Amino acid sequence: MSYVVAATYVSKPDAADQLREHLTAMIEPTRAEEGCEQYTVVTSNDDPRTFLLFEIYRDEEGFRAHGVSPHFDEHIRNGAWDLLDSRTVIFGTPLQP
């Protein structure tokens, strides 16, 4: 069954452009991962510091593989997270298959 991740990232003041660069750099390599079914990054129309990451993986194993990828280390763990004021993450399962 699919494994869904929805995360909201809010950048520190004056860090939105840097955060946008890291999140944009994640799109192509994440979508190429074997376990990734969908990876979408959305920027808020109301607040340029707020981003939504919507991710669907084949299963939890696919998500775990994503979390140890070189691009995750570079752009999320050692990039985006240092630029955040806040981060909220929801892990879930679709109600319908």
PDB file of N, CA and C in Angstrom:
ATOM      1  N   MET A   1       0.839  -1.180   0.000  1.00  0.00           N
ATOM      2  CA  MET A   1       0.000   0.000   0.000  1.00  0.00           C
ATOM      3  C   MET A   1       0.882   1.241   0.000  1.00  0.00           C
ATOM      4  N   SER A   2       0.442   2.285  -0.670  1.00  0.00           N
ATOM      5  CA  SER A   2       1.201   3.525  -0.777  1.00  0.00           C
ATOM      6  C   SER A   2       1.456   4.144   0.589  1.00  0.00           C
ATOM      7  N   TYR A   3       2.565   4.861   0.664  1.00  0.00           N
ATOM      8  CA  TYR A   3       2.980   5.563   1.871  1.00  0.00           C
ATOM      9  C   TYR A   3       3.053   7.044   1.516  1.00  0.00           C
ATOM     10  N   VAL A   4       2.289   7.865   2.211  1.00  0.00           N
ATOM     11  CA  VAL A   4       2.150   9.276   1.874  1.00  0.00           C
ATOM     12  C   VAL A   4       2.840  10.139   2.929  1.00  0.00           C
ATOM     13  N   VAL A   5       3.526  11.164   2.437  1.00  0.00           N
ATOM     14  CA  VAL A   5       4.161  12.146   3.312  1.00  0.00           C
ATOM     15  C   VAL A   5       3.715  13.525   2.862  1.00  0.00           C
ATOM     16  N   ALA A   6       3.220  14.316   3.801  1.00  0.00           N
ATOM     17  CA  ALA A   6       2.863  15.710   3.529  1.00  0.00           C
ATOM     18  C   ALA A   6       3.616  16.555   4.547  1.00  0.00           C
ATOM     19  N   ALA A   7       4.481  17.426   4.057  1.00  0.00           N
ATOM     20  CA  ALA A   7       5.302  18.242   4.950  1.00  0.00           C
ATOM     21  C   ALA A   7       5.139  19.712   4.610  1.00  0.00           C
ATOM     22  N   THR A   8       5.071  20.523   5.637  1.00  0.00           N
ATOM     23  CA  THR A   8       5.036  21.971   5.471  1.00  0.00           C
ATOM     24  C   THR A   8       6.335  22.530   6.025  1.00  0.00           C
ATOM     25  N   TYR A   9       7.042  23.264   5.193  1.00  0.00           N
ATOM     26  CA  TYR A   9       8.293  23.911   5.574  1.00  0.00           C
ATOM     27  C   TYR A   9       8.073  25.421   5.538  1.00  0.00           C
ATOM     28  N   VAL A  10       8.488  26.107   6.598  1.00  0.00           N
ATOM     29  CA  VAL A  10       8.453  27.566   6.639  1.00  0.00           C
ATOM     30  C   VAL A  10       9.887  28.037   6.843  1.00  0.00           C
ATOM     31  N   SER A  11      10.371  28.821   5.910  1.00  0.00           N
ATOM     32  CA  SER A  11      11.760  29.273   5.973  1.00  0.00           C
ATOM     33  C   SER A  11      11.953  30.370   7.011  1.00  0.00           C
ATOM     34  N   LYS A  12      13.170  30.498   7.448  1.00  0.00           N
ATOM     35  CA  LYS A  12      13.553  31.639   8.271  1.00  0.00           C
ATOM     36  C   LYS A  12      13.405  32.891   7.403  1.00  0.00           C
ATOM     37  N   PRO A  13      13.255  34.060   8.043  1.00  0.00           N
ATOM     38  CA  PRO A  13      13.203  35.294   7.249  1.00  0.00           C
ATOM     39  C   PRO A  13      14.448  35.405   6.365  1.00  0.00           C
ATOM     40  N   ASP A  14      14.266  35.846   5.166  1.00  0.00           N
ATOM     41  CA  ASP A  14      15.356  36.033   4.188  1.00  0.00           C
ATOM     42  C   ASP A  14      16.005  34.730   3.719  1.00  0.00           C
ATOM     43  N   ALA A  15      15.384  33.572   3.975  1.00  0.00           N
ATOM     44  CA  ALA A  15      15.957  32.298   3.525  1.00  0.00           C
ATOM     45  C   ALA A  15      15.064  31.588   2.508  1.00  0.00           C
ATOM     46  N   ALA A  16      13.960  32.204   2.104  1.00  0.00           N
ATOM     47  CA  ALA A  16      13.011  31.546   1.200  1.00  0.00           C
ATOM     48  C   ALA A  16      13.644  31.197  -0.141  1.00  0.00           C
ATOM     49  N   ASP A  17      14.463  32.071  -0.689  1.00  0.00           N
ATOM     50  CA  ASP A  17      15.081  31.792  -1.988  1.00  0.00           C
ATOM     51  C   ASP A  17      16.044  30.616  -1.904  1.00  0.00           C
ATOM     52  N   GLN A  18      16.822  30.549  -0.843  1.00  0.00           N
ATOM     53  CA  GLN A  18      17.747  29.424  -0.662  1.00  0.00           C
ATOM     54  C   GLN A  18      16.968  28.124  -0.476  1.00  0.00           C
ATOM     55  N   LEU A  19      15.907  28.174   0.307  1.00  0.00           N
ATOM     56  CA  LEU A  19      15.088  26.988   0.525  1.00  0.00           C
ATOM     57  C   LEU A  19      14.475  26.527  -0.791  1.00  0.00           C
ATOM     58  N   ARG A  20      13.971  27.458  -1.571  1.00  0.00           N
ATOM     59  CA  ARG A  20      13.380  27.142  -2.874  1.00  0.00           C
ATOM     60  C   ARG A  20      14.407  26.414  -3.762  1.00  0.00           C
ATOM     61  N   GLU A  21      15.653  26.864  -3.742  1.00  0.00           N
ATOM     62  CA  GLU A  21      16.702  26.225  -4.543  1.00  0.00           C
ATOM     63  C   GLU A  21      16.924  24.780  -4.115  1.00  0.00           C
ATOM     64  N   HIS A  22      17.000  24.543  -2.819  1.00  0.00           N
ATOM     65  CA  HIS A  22      17.189  23.171  -2.328  1.00  0.00           C
ATOM     66  C   HIS A  22      15.993  22.284  -2.693  1.00  0.00           C
ATOM     67  N   LEU A  23      14.793  22.802  -2.502  1.00  0.00           N
ATOM     68  CA  LEU A  23      13.600  21.997  -2.797  1.00  0.00           C
ATOM     69  C   LEU A  23      13.462  21.731  -4.289  1.00  0.00           C
ATOM     70  N   THR A  24      13.795  22.697  -5.112  1.00  0.00           N
ATOM     71  CA  THR A  24      13.756  22.493  -6.563  1.00  0.00           C
ATOM     72  C   THR A  24      14.777  21.438  -6.984  1.00  0.00           C
ATOM     73  N   ALA A  25      15.940  21.458  -6.369  1.00  0.00           N
ATOM     74  CA  ALA A  25      16.985  20.486  -6.703  1.00  0.00           C
ATOM     75  C   ALA A  25      16.589  19.062  -6.312  1.00  0.00           C
ATOM     76  N   MET A  26      15.631  18.911  -5.431  1.00  0.00           N
ATOM     77  CA  MET A  26      15.179  17.583  -4.996  1.00  0.00           C
ATOM     78  C   MET A  26      14.206  16.929  -5.967  1.00  0.00           C
ATOM     79  N   ILE A  27      13.531  17.709  -6.787  1.00  0.00           N
ATOM     80  CA  ILE A  27      12.412  17.174  -7.566  1.00  0.00           C
ATOM     81  C   ILE A  27      12.856  16.082  -8.538  1.00  0.00           C
ATOM     82  N   GLU A  28      13.764  16.389  -9.417  1.00  0.00           N
ATOM     83  CA  GLU A  28      14.149  15.417 -10.452  1.00  0.00           C
ATOM     84  C   GLU A  28      14.746  14.127  -9.878  1.00  0.00           C
ATOM     85  N   PRO A  29      15.746  14.200  -8.977  1.00  0.00           N
ATOM     86  CA  PRO A  29      16.303  12.935  -8.483  1.00  0.00           C
ATOM     87  C   PRO A  29      15.322  12.133  -7.632  1.00  0.00           C
ATOM     88  N   THR A  30      14.423  12.810  -6.922  1.00  0.00           N
ATOM     89  CA  THR A  30      13.452  12.070  -6.120  1.00  0.00           C
ATOM     90  C   THR A  30      12.449  11.362  -7.013  1.00  0.00           C
ATOM     91  N   ARG A  31      11.976  12.040  -8.046  1.00  0.00           N
ATOM     92  CA  ARG A  31      11.025  11.404  -8.965  1.00  0.00           C
ATOM     93  C   ARG A  31      11.645  10.212  -9.687  1.00  0.00           C
ATOM     94  N   ALA A  32      12.961  10.192  -9.799  1.00  0.00           N
ATOM     95  CA  ALA A  32      13.654   9.080 -10.459  1.00  0.00           C
ATOM     96  C   ALA A  32      13.873   7.886  -9.526  1.00  0.00           C
ATOM     97  N   GLU A  33      13.620   8.043  -8.247  1.00  0.00           N
ATOM     98  CA  GLU A  33      13.794   6.934  -7.305  1.00  0.00           C
ATOM     99  C   GLU A  33      12.801   5.818  -7.619  1.00  0.00           C
ATOM    100  N   GLU A  34      13.258   4.603  -7.480  1.00  0.00           N
ATOM    101  CA  GLU A  34      12.424   3.440  -7.802  1.00  0.00           C
ATOM    102  C   GLU A  34      11.121   3.418  -6.997  1.00  0.00           C
ATOM    103  N   GLY A  35      11.172   3.790  -5.733  1.00  0.00           N
ATOM    104  CA  GLY A  35       9.990   3.702  -4.874  1.00  0.00           C
ATOM    105  C   GLY A  35       9.094   4.922  -4.885  1.00  0.00           C
ATOM    106  N   CYS A  36       9.454   5.966  -5.633  1.00  0.00           N
ATOM    107  CA  CYS A  36       8.675   7.208  -5.646  1.00  0.00           C
ATOM    108  C   CYS A  36       7.569   7.139  -6.690  1.00  0.00           C
ATOM    109  N   GLU A  37       6.349   7.394  -6.259  1.00  0.00           N
ATOM    110  CA  GLU A  37       5.210   7.458  -7.173  1.00  0.00           C
ATOM    111  C   GLU A  37       4.820   8.900  -7.493  1.00  0.00           C
ATOM    112  N   GLN A  38       5.048   9.818  -6.542  1.00  0.00           N
ATOM    113  CA  GLN A  38       4.740  11.232  -6.767  1.00  0.00           C
ATOM    114  C   GLN A  38       5.584  12.062  -5.816  1.00  0.00           C
ATOM    115  N   TYR A  39       6.092  13.173  -6.334  1.00  0.00           N
ATOM    116  CA  TYR A  39       6.845  14.116  -5.508  1.00  0.00           C
ATOM    117  C   TYR A  39       6.538  15.512  -6.041  1.00  0.00           C
ATOM    118  N   THR A  40       5.794  16.280  -5.266  1.00  0.00           N
ATOM    119  CA  THR A  40       5.365  17.598  -5.693  1.00  0.00           C
ATOM    120  C   THR A  40       5.727  18.616  -4.613  1.00  0.00           C
ATOM    121  N   VAL A  41       6.301  19.725  -5.034  1.00  0.00           N
ATOM    122  CA  VAL A  41       6.625  20.819  -4.119  1.00  0.00           C
ATOM    123  C   VAL A  41       5.789  22.020  -4.535  1.00  0.00           C
ATOM    124  N   VAL A  42       5.085  22.591  -3.575  1.00  0.00           N
ATOM    125  CA  VAL A  42       4.188  23.711  -3.826  1.00  0.00           C
ATOM    126  C   VAL A  42       4.639  24.885  -2.961  1.00  0.00           C
ATOM    127  N   THR A  43       4.639  26.061  -3.544  1.00  0.00           N
ATOM    128  CA  THR A  43       4.906  27.264  -2.767  1.00  0.00           C
ATOM    129  C   THR A  43       3.587  27.984  -2.524  1.00  0.00           C
ATOM    130  N   SER A  44       3.433  28.534  -1.351  1.00  0.00           N
ATOM    131  CA  SER A  44       2.196  29.218  -0.977  1.00  0.00           C
ATOM    132  C   SER A  44       2.032  30.511  -1.772  1.00  0.00           C
ATOM    133  N   ASN A  45       0.826  30.747  -2.245  1.00  0.00           N
ATOM    134  CA  ASN A  45       0.510  32.012  -2.904  1.00  0.00           C
ATOM    135  C   ASN A  45       0.394  33.157  -1.894  1.00  0.00           C
ATOM    136  N   ASP A  46       0.136  32.811  -0.644  1.00  0.00           N
ATOM    137  CA  ASP A  46      -0.074  33.813   0.393  1.00  0.00           C
ATOM    138  C   ASP A  46       1.182  34.158   1.186  1.00  0.00           C
ATOM    139  N   ASP A  47       2.132  33.212   1.235  1.00  0.00           N
ATOM    140  CA  ASP A  47       3.336  33.421   2.040  1.00  0.00           C
ATOM    141  C   ASP A  47       4.521  32.789   1.319  1.00  0.00           C
ATOM    142  N   PRO A  48       5.408  33.580   0.745  1.00  0.00           N
ATOM    143  CA  PRO A  48       6.529  33.035  -0.022  1.00  0.00           C
ATOM    144  C   PRO A  48       7.535  32.251   0.814  1.00  0.00           C
ATOM    145  N   ARG A  49       7.376  32.268   2.125  1.00  0.00           N
ATOM    146  CA  ARG A  49       8.265  31.490   3.004  1.00  0.00           C
ATOM    147  C   ARG A  49       7.733  30.085   3.256  1.00  0.00           C
ATOM    148  N   THR A  50       6.502  29.788   2.820  1.00  0.00           N
ATOM    149  CA  THR A  50       5.858  28.510   3.134  1.00  0.00           C
ATOM    150  C   THR A  50       5.795  27.611   1.907  1.00  0.00           C
ATOM    151  N   PHE A  51       6.241  26.354   2.106  1.00  0.00           N
ATOM    152  CA  PHE A  51       6.269  25.354   1.048  1.00  0.00           C
ATOM    153  C   PHE A  51       5.588  24.085   1.541  1.00  0.00           C
ATOM    154  N   LEU A  52       4.896  23.417   0.640  1.00  0.00           N
ATOM    155  CA  LEU A  52       4.279  22.124   0.932  1.00  0.00           C
ATOM    156  C   LEU A  52       4.956  21.073   0.074  1.00  0.00           C
ATOM    157  N   LEU A  53       5.387  19.997   0.702  1.00  0.00           N
ATOM    158  CA  LEU A  53       5.936  18.849  -0.017  1.00  0.00           C
ATOM    159  C   LEU A  53       4.899  17.741   0.078  1.00  0.00           C
ATOM    160  N   PHE A  54       4.465  17.235  -1.069  1.00  0.00           N
ATOM    161  CA  PHE A  54       3.492  16.145  -1.110  1.00  0.00           C
ATOM    162  C   PHE A  54       4.158  14.976  -1.812  1.00  0.00           C
ATOM    163  N   GLU A  55       4.324  13.882  -1.079  1.00  0.00           N
ATOM    164  CA  GLU A  55       5.094  12.749  -1.581  1.00  0.00           C
ATOM    165  C   GLU A  55       4.305  11.453  -1.437  1.00  0.00           C
ATOM    166  N   ILE A  56       4.367  10.614  -2.454  1.00  0.00           N
ATOM    167  CA  ILE A  56       3.770   9.283  -2.373  1.00  0.00           C
ATOM    168  C   ILE A  56       4.841   8.284  -2.792  1.00  0.00           C
ATOM    169  N   TYR A  57       5.038   7.293  -1.942  1.00  0.00           N
ATOM    170  CA  TYR A  57       5.994   6.228  -2.211  1.00  0.00           C
ATOM    171  C   TYR A  57       5.244   4.903  -2.315  1.00  0.00           C
ATOM    172  N   ARG A  58       5.823   3.978  -3.028  1.00  0.00           N
ATOM    173  CA  ARG A  58       5.205   2.661  -3.222  1.00  0.00           C
ATOM    174  C   ARG A  58       4.875   2.030  -1.870  1.00  0.00           C
ATOM    175  N   ASP A  59       5.775   2.196  -0.905  1.00  0.00           N
ATOM    176  CA  ASP A  59       5.602   1.654   0.431  1.00  0.00           C
ATOM    177  C   ASP A  59       6.560   2.375   1.377  1.00  0.00           C
ATOM    178  N   GLU A  60       6.519   2.020   2.641  1.00  0.00           N
ATOM    179  CA  GLU A  60       7.384   2.682   3.617  1.00  0.00           C
ATOM    180  C   GLU A  60       8.859   2.451   3.308  1.00  0.00           C
ATOM    181  N   GLU A  61       9.183   1.310   2.760  1.00  0.00           N
ATOM    182  CA  GLU A  61      10.567   1.023   2.372  1.00  0.00           C
ATOM    183  C   GLU A  61      11.067   2.019   1.318  1.00  0.00           C
ATOM    184  N   GLY A  62      10.199   2.370   0.373  1.00  0.00           N
ATOM    185  CA  GLY A  62      10.562   3.363  -0.635  1.00  0.00           C
ATOM    186  C   GLY A  62      10.857   4.711  -0.012  1.00  0.00           C
ATOM    187  N   PHE A  63      10.065   5.080   1.005  1.00  0.00           N
ATOM    188  CA  PHE A  63      10.312   6.335   1.709  1.00  0.00           C
ATOM    189  C   PHE A  63      11.626   6.272   2.472  1.00  0.00           C
ATOM    190  N   ARG A  64      11.890   5.163   3.115  1.00  0.00           N
ATOM    191  CA  ARG A  64      13.142   5.018   3.871  1.00  0.00           C
ATOM    192  C   ARG A  64      14.350   5.114   2.941  1.00  0.00           C
ATOM    193  N   ALA A  65      14.249   4.536   1.755  1.00  0.00           N
ATOM    194  CA  ALA A  65      15.343   4.633   0.774  1.00  0.00           C
ATOM    195  C   ALA A  65      15.560   6.086   0.367  1.00  0.00           C
ATOM    196  N   HIS A  66      14.483   6.827   0.217  1.00  0.00           N
ATOM    197  CA  HIS A  66      14.571   8.254  -0.103  1.00  0.00           C
ATOM    198  C   HIS A  66      15.355   8.997   0.978  1.00  0.00           C
ATOM    199  N   GLY A  67      15.095   8.663   2.231  1.00  0.00           N
ATOM    200  CA  GLY A  67      15.715   9.341   3.352  1.00  0.00           C
ATOM    201  C   GLY A  67      17.203   9.104   3.516  1.00  0.00           C
ATOM    202  N   VAL A  68      17.738   8.124   2.804  1.00  0.00           N
ATOM    203  CA  VAL A  68      19.188   7.862   2.873  1.00  0.00           C
ATOM    204  C   VAL A  68      19.868   8.124   1.529  1.00  0.00           C
ATOM    205  N   SER A  69      19.165   8.776   0.625  1.00  0.00           N
ATOM    206  CA  SER A  69      19.734   9.083  -0.690  1.00  0.00           C
ATOM    207  C   SER A  69      20.728  10.242  -0.584  1.00  0.00           C
ATOM    208  N   PRO A  70      21.706  10.287  -1.489  1.00  0.00           N
ATOM    209  CA  PRO A  70      22.667  11.394  -1.473  1.00  0.00           C
ATOM    210  C   PRO A  70      22.008  12.765  -1.656  1.00  0.00           C
ATOM    211  N   HIS A  71      20.984  12.848  -2.506  1.00  0.00           N
ATOM    212  CA  HIS A  71      20.330  14.141  -2.717  1.00  0.00           C
ATOM    213  C   HIS A  71      19.547  14.580  -1.480  1.00  0.00           C
ATOM    214  N   PHE A  72      18.998  13.639  -0.712  1.00  0.00           N
ATOM    215  CA  PHE A  72      18.324  13.997   0.538  1.00  0.00           C
ATOM    216  C   PHE A  72      19.340  14.556   1.529  1.00  0.00           C
ATOM    217  N   ASP A  73      20.479  13.898   1.651  1.00  0.00           N
ATOM    218  CA  ASP A  73      21.532  14.399   2.549  1.00  0.00           C
ATOM    219  C   ASP A  73      21.966  15.804   2.161  1.00  0.00           C
ATOM    220  N   GLU A  74      22.208  16.013   0.871  1.00  0.00           N
ATOM    221  CA  GLU A  74      22.714  17.305   0.411  1.00  0.00           C
ATOM    222  C   GLU A  74      21.686  18.423   0.533  1.00  0.00           C
ATOM    223  N   HIS A  75      20.472  18.174   0.046  1.00  0.00           N
ATOM    224  CA  HIS A  75      19.506  19.264  -0.087  1.00  0.00           C
ATOM    225  C   HIS A  75      18.482  19.379   1.035  1.00  0.00           C
ATOM    226  N   ILE A  76      18.284  18.322   1.796  1.00  0.00           N
ATOM    227  CA  ILE A  76      17.317  18.395   2.897  1.00  0.00           C
ATOM    228  C   ILE A  76      18.055  18.395   4.237  1.00  0.00           C
ATOM    229  N   ARG A  77      18.685  17.276   4.572  1.00  0.00           N
ATOM    230  CA  ARG A  77      19.341  17.151   5.875  1.00  0.00           C
ATOM    231  C   ARG A  77      20.415  18.224   6.098  1.00  0.00           C
ATOM    232  N   ASN A  78      21.242  18.493   5.082  1.00  0.00           N
ATOM    233  CA  ASN A  78      22.345  19.443   5.222  1.00  0.00           C
ATOM    234  C   ASN A  78      22.091  20.761   4.486  1.00  0.00           C
ATOM    235  N   GLY A  79      20.877  20.970   4.044  1.00  0.00           N
ATOM    236  CA  GLY A  79      20.539  22.192   3.305  1.00  0.00           C
ATOM    237  C   GLY A  79      19.270  22.825   3.844  1.00  0.00           C
ATOM    238  N   ALA A  80      18.129  22.281   3.442  1.00  0.00           N
ATOM    239  CA  ALA A  80      16.837  22.884   3.769  1.00  0.00           C
ATOM    240  C   ALA A  80      16.590  22.994   5.269  1.00  0.00           C
ATOM    241  N   TRP A  81      16.876  21.942   6.012  1.00  0.00           N
ATOM    242  CA  TRP A  81      16.545  21.957   7.438  1.00  0.00           C
ATOM    243  C   TRP A  81      17.232  23.090   8.187  1.00  0.00           C
ATOM    244  N   ASP A  82      18.407  23.496   7.747  1.00  0.00           N
ATOM    245  CA  ASP A  82      19.111  24.602   8.405  1.00  0.00           C
ATOM    246  C   ASP A  82      18.457  25.952   8.122  1.00  0.00           C
ATOM    247  N   LEU A  83      17.583  26.005   7.141  1.00  0.00           N
ATOM    248  CA  LEU A  83      16.954  27.263   6.725  1.00  0.00           C
ATOM    249  C   LEU A  83      15.543  27.440   7.270  1.00  0.00           C
ATOM    250  N   LEU A  84      15.084  26.499   8.094  1.00  0.00           N
ATOM    251  CA  LEU A  84      13.676  26.482   8.503  1.00  0.00           C
ATOM    252  C   LEU A  84      13.405  27.167   9.835  1.00  0.00           C
ATOM    253  N   ASP A  85      12.271  27.866   9.859  1.00  0.00           N
ATOM    254  CA  ASP A  85      11.685  28.338  11.112  1.00  0.00           C
ATOM    255  C   ASP A  85      10.849  27.218  11.719  1.00  0.00           C
ATOM    256  N   SER A  86      10.156  26.464  10.834  1.00  0.00           N
ATOM    257  CA  SER A  86       9.327  25.363  11.327  1.00  0.00           C
ATOM    258  C   SER A  86       9.155  24.301  10.245  1.00  0.00           C
ATOM    259  N   ARG A  87       8.837  23.093  10.724  1.00  0.00           N
ATOM    260  CA  ARG A  87       8.590  21.962   9.825  1.00  0.00           C
ATOM    261  C   ARG A  87       7.529  21.093  10.479  1.00  0.00           C
ATOM    262  N   THR A  88       6.484  20.786   9.715  1.00  0.00           N
ATOM    263  CA  THR A  88       5.439  19.887  10.173  1.00  0.00           C
ATOM    264  C   THR A  88       5.314  18.759   9.163  1.00  0.00           C
ATOM    265  N   VAL A  89       5.302  17.511   9.649  1.00  0.00           N
ATOM    266  CA  VAL A  89       5.247  16.365   8.738  1.00  0.00           C
ATOM    267  C   VAL A  89       4.115  15.435   9.172  1.00  0.00           C
ATOM    268  N   ILE A  90       3.345  15.001   8.184  1.00  0.00           N
ATOM    269  CA  ILE A  90       2.293  14.003   8.408  1.00  0.00           C
ATOM    270  C   ILE A  90       2.626  12.790   7.555  1.00  0.00           C
ATOM    271  N   PHE A  91       2.643  11.613   8.167  1.00  0.00           N
ATOM    272  CA  PHE A  91       2.829  10.348   7.469  1.00  0.00           C
ATOM    273  C   PHE A  91       1.493   9.649   7.442  1.00  0.00           C
ATOM    274  N   GLY A  92       1.119   9.093   6.290  1.00  0.00           N
ATOM    275  CA  GLY A  92      -0.196   8.482   6.220  1.00  0.00           C
ATOM    276  C   GLY A  92      -0.344   7.427   5.148  1.00  0.00           C
ATOM    277  N   THR A  93      -1.566   6.907   5.110  1.00  0.00           N
ATOM    278  CA  THR A  93      -1.968   5.887   4.157  1.00  0.00           C
ATOM    279  C   THR A  93      -3.266   6.355   3.507  1.00  0.00           C
ATOM    280  N   PRO A  94      -3.364   6.250   2.182  1.00  0.00           N
ATOM    281  CA  PRO A  94      -4.612   6.663   1.517  1.00  0.00           C
ATOM    282  C   PRO A  94      -5.814   5.872   2.032  1.00  0.00           C
ATOM    283  N   LEU A  95      -6.955   6.533   2.141  1.00  0.00           N
ATOM    284  CA  LEU A  95      -8.171   5.851   2.567  1.00  0.00           C
ATOM    285  C   LEU A  95      -8.653   4.872   1.517  1.00  0.00           C
ATOM    286  N   GLN A  96      -8.377   5.177   0.244  1.00  0.00           N
ATOM    287  CA  GLN A  96      -8.766   4.290  -0.829  1.00  0.00           C
ATOM    288  C   GLN A  96      -7.506   3.823  -1.540  1.00  0.00           C
ATOM    289  N   PRO A  97      -7.455   2.564  -1.949  1.00  0.00           N
ATOM    290  CA  PRO A  97      -6.267   2.066  -2.649  1.00  0.00           C
ATOM    291  C   PRO A  97      -6.111   2.681  -4.024  1.00  0.00           C
TER     292      PRO A  97
END
